[in-house]
Amino acid sequence: MKKKKVIVLVEDDDLDADLITRELKKNQFPLEVLRLTNGQELMDYLDANDLENLVGIWMDLNMPKVGGLDSLKWLRSSEKYHSLPVIVLSSSKNERDIIASYQLGANAYVSKPVNRQEFQKTMEAMVQFWGQVNLTPNLREIRQNT
């Protein structure tokens, strides 16, 4: 039986993680969501698991232990993970955070709206893009070709 594709959500705020997960379920997100709470957990998870079904990472910036920017730096410096799609999903609209995220290799930067309706619209767009539109490479193939 084929395993379900996975998105890793790296979010330390329980309320934000719950809202994101709830919106994804409500919109029938076709991918499994694995929640981690900081960059160190992300690094440990990636190093300990077969990532064949992992299609991307949605990551907050401001987290304890290892934050989003340091996690991005680590991901992009790794031959094993440098092609993995990473979306920064942050409440920060600070231009320095946006620029730093892209300079470190983020594939996109999405602001988490404070307004509930705007948050729902943002999650609907994320579901449509990640669940229906975006194509992701098989990480096993990438590793074999590097």
Protein backbone atom coordinates (compact mmCIF):
# COMPACT_ATOMS: atom_id res chain seq x y z
CA MET A 1 0.00 0.00 0.00
CA LYS A 2 1.31 3.41 -0.98
CA LYS A 3 2.07 5.78 1.90
CA LYS A 4 0.34 9.14 2.03
CA LYS A 5 2.41 12.19 1.10
CA VAL A 6 3.55 14.27 4.08
CA ILE A 7 4.01 17.96 4.85
CA VAL A 8 6.02 18.75 7.98
CA LEU A 9 4.64 21.71 9.92
CA VAL A 10 7.29 23.20 12.22
CA GLU A 11 5.35 25.47 14.56
CA ASP A 12 5.96 26.06 18.26
CA ASP A 13 2.67 27.88 18.94
CA ASP A 14 -0.03 25.32 19.81
CA LEU A 15 -2.87 27.66 18.85
CA ASP A 16 -1.39 28.43 15.41
CA ALA A 17 -0.62 24.75 14.80
CA ASP A 18 -4.17 23.80 15.80
CA LEU A 19 -5.69 26.48 13.55
CA ILE A 20 -3.55 25.42 10.60
CA THR A 21 -4.32 21.73 11.09
CA ARG A 22 -8.05 22.38 11.56
CA GLU A 23 -8.22 24.49 8.39
CA LEU A 24 -6.36 21.85 6.41
CA LYS A 25 -8.75 19.11 7.57
CA LYS A 26 -11.77 21.30 6.88
CA ASN A 27 -10.52 21.89 3.33
CA GLN A 28 -9.81 18.17 2.84
CA PHE A 29 -6.06 18.62 2.53
CA PRO A 30 -4.89 15.46 0.75
CA LEU A 31 -1.54 15.28 2.53
CA GLU A 32 -0.69 14.08 6.02
CA VAL A 33 0.56 16.83 8.34
CA LEU A 34 3.30 16.00 10.82
CA ARG A 35 3.77 18.71 13.43
CA LEU A 36 7.12 19.44 15.04
CA THR A 37 7.75 22.31 17.45
CA ASN A 38 11.24 23.62 16.59
CA GLY A 39 14.14 23.40 14.19
CA GLN A 40 16.04 20.90 16.30
CA GLU A 41 13.10 18.49 16.13
CA LEU A 42 13.04 19.02 12.36
CA MET A 43 16.74 18.19 12.02
CA ASP A 44 16.37 15.11 14.21
CA TYR A 45 13.29 13.95 12.28
CA LEU A 46 14.89 14.39 8.87
CA ASP A 47 18.05 12.58 9.89
CA ALA A 48 16.13 9.66 11.44
CA ASN A 49 13.46 8.95 8.81
CA ASP A 50 12.96 7.76 5.25
CA LEU A 51 11.74 10.88 3.51
CA GLU A 52 10.41 9.34 0.32
CA ASN A 53 6.89 10.67 0.98
CA LEU A 54 7.90 14.08 2.31
CA VAL A 55 6.78 16.81 -0.11
CA GLY A 56 7.69 19.91 1.84
CA ILE A 57 8.16 21.82 5.06
CA TRP A 58 6.02 24.66 6.36
CA MET A 59 8.04 26.44 8.99
CA ASP A 60 7.64 29.32 11.41
CA LEU A 61 10.61 31.62 11.96
CA ASN A 62 10.55 32.40 15.67
CA MET A 63 10.93 29.13 17.54
CA PRO A 64 12.90 27.93 20.58
CA LYS A 65 16.14 25.93 20.34
CA VAL A 66 16.73 26.27 16.59
CA GLY A 67 14.71 28.93 14.76
CA GLY A 68 13.47 29.02 11.21
CA LEU A 69 16.36 30.94 9.66
CA ASP A 70 18.96 28.64 11.21
CA SER A 71 16.92 25.64 10.07
CA LEU A 72 16.80 27.02 6.52
CA LYS A 73 20.55 27.56 6.58
CA TRP A 74 21.06 23.96 7.70
CA LEU A 75 18.65 22.55 5.10
CA ARG A 76 20.21 24.45 2.20
CA SER A 77 23.76 23.58 3.21
CA SER A 78 22.92 19.87 3.21
CA GLU A 79 23.28 17.93 -0.02
CA LYS A 80 20.60 15.59 1.28
CA TYR A 81 17.94 18.28 1.91
CA HIS A 82 18.85 21.26 -0.26
CA SER A 83 16.07 20.54 -2.81
CA LEU A 84 13.32 20.06 -0.25
CA PRO A 85 10.58 22.70 -0.70
CA VAL A 86 10.40 25.01 2.33
CA ILE A 87 7.63 27.52 2.92
CA VAL A 88 8.11 30.05 5.69
CA LEU A 89 4.73 30.45 7.38
CA SER A 90 5.21 33.31 9.82
CA SER A 91 3.25 36.06 11.52
CA SER A 92 6.18 38.40 10.81
CA LYS A 93 5.84 40.83 7.92
CA ASN A 94 9.24 42.31 8.72
CA GLU A 95 11.07 43.00 5.45
CA ARG A 96 14.36 41.76 6.97
CA ASP A 97 12.76 38.39 7.82
CA ILE A 98 11.34 38.08 4.31
CA ILE A 99 14.62 38.96 2.62
CA ALA A 100 16.66 36.69 4.92
CA SER A 101 14.27 33.79 4.30
CA TYR A 102 14.61 34.08 0.53
CA GLN A 103 18.37 34.62 0.71
CA LEU A 104 18.66 31.40 2.70
CA GLY A 105 16.63 29.47 0.13
CA ALA A 106 12.97 29.59 1.15
CA ASN A 107 10.69 28.69 -1.73
CA ALA A 108 7.95 31.00 -0.47
CA TYR A 109 7.10 33.28 2.43
CA VAL A 110 3.48 33.29 3.61
CA SER A 111 2.19 35.61 6.30
CA LYS A 112 -0.16 34.09 8.87
CA PRO A 113 -3.04 36.58 9.05
CA VAL A 114 -4.40 37.55 12.45
CA ASN A 115 -7.96 37.92 11.12
CA ARG A 116 -9.79 34.57 11.19
CA GLN A 117 -11.40 34.97 7.75
CA GLU A 118 -8.11 35.97 6.13
CA PHE A 119 -6.41 33.05 7.87
CA GLN A 120 -9.03 30.69 6.41
CA LYS A 121 -8.52 32.14 2.91
CA THR A 122 -4.76 31.74 3.24
CA MET A 123 -5.12 28.10 4.30
CA GLU A 124 -7.56 27.43 1.45
CA ALA A 125 -4.96 28.77 -0.99
CA MET A 126 -2.25 26.64 0.64
CA VAL A 127 -4.48 23.55 0.34
CA GLN A 128 -5.19 24.25 -3.30
CA PHE A 129 -1.55 24.88 -4.15
CA TRP A 130 0.08 22.08 -2.13
CA GLY A 131 -2.71 19.55 -2.54
CA GLN A 132 -3.64 20.06 -6.16
CA VAL A 133 -1.29 22.34 -8.11
CA ASN A 134 2.31 21.92 -6.93
CA LEU A 135 4.42 19.01 -8.12
CA THR A 136 7.29 17.90 -5.91
CA PRO A 137 10.26 15.70 -6.71
CA ASN A 138 10.83 12.30 -5.18
CA LEU A 139 13.63 12.88 -2.66
CA ARG A 140 15.00 9.39 -3.20
CA GLU A 141 15.54 10.24 -6.90
CA ILE A 142 17.25 13.51 -5.99
CA ARG A 143 19.64 11.75 -3.63
CA GLN A 144 20.49 9.09 -6.21
CA ASN A 145 21.29 11.75 -8.80
CA THR A 146 23.60 13.85 -6.59
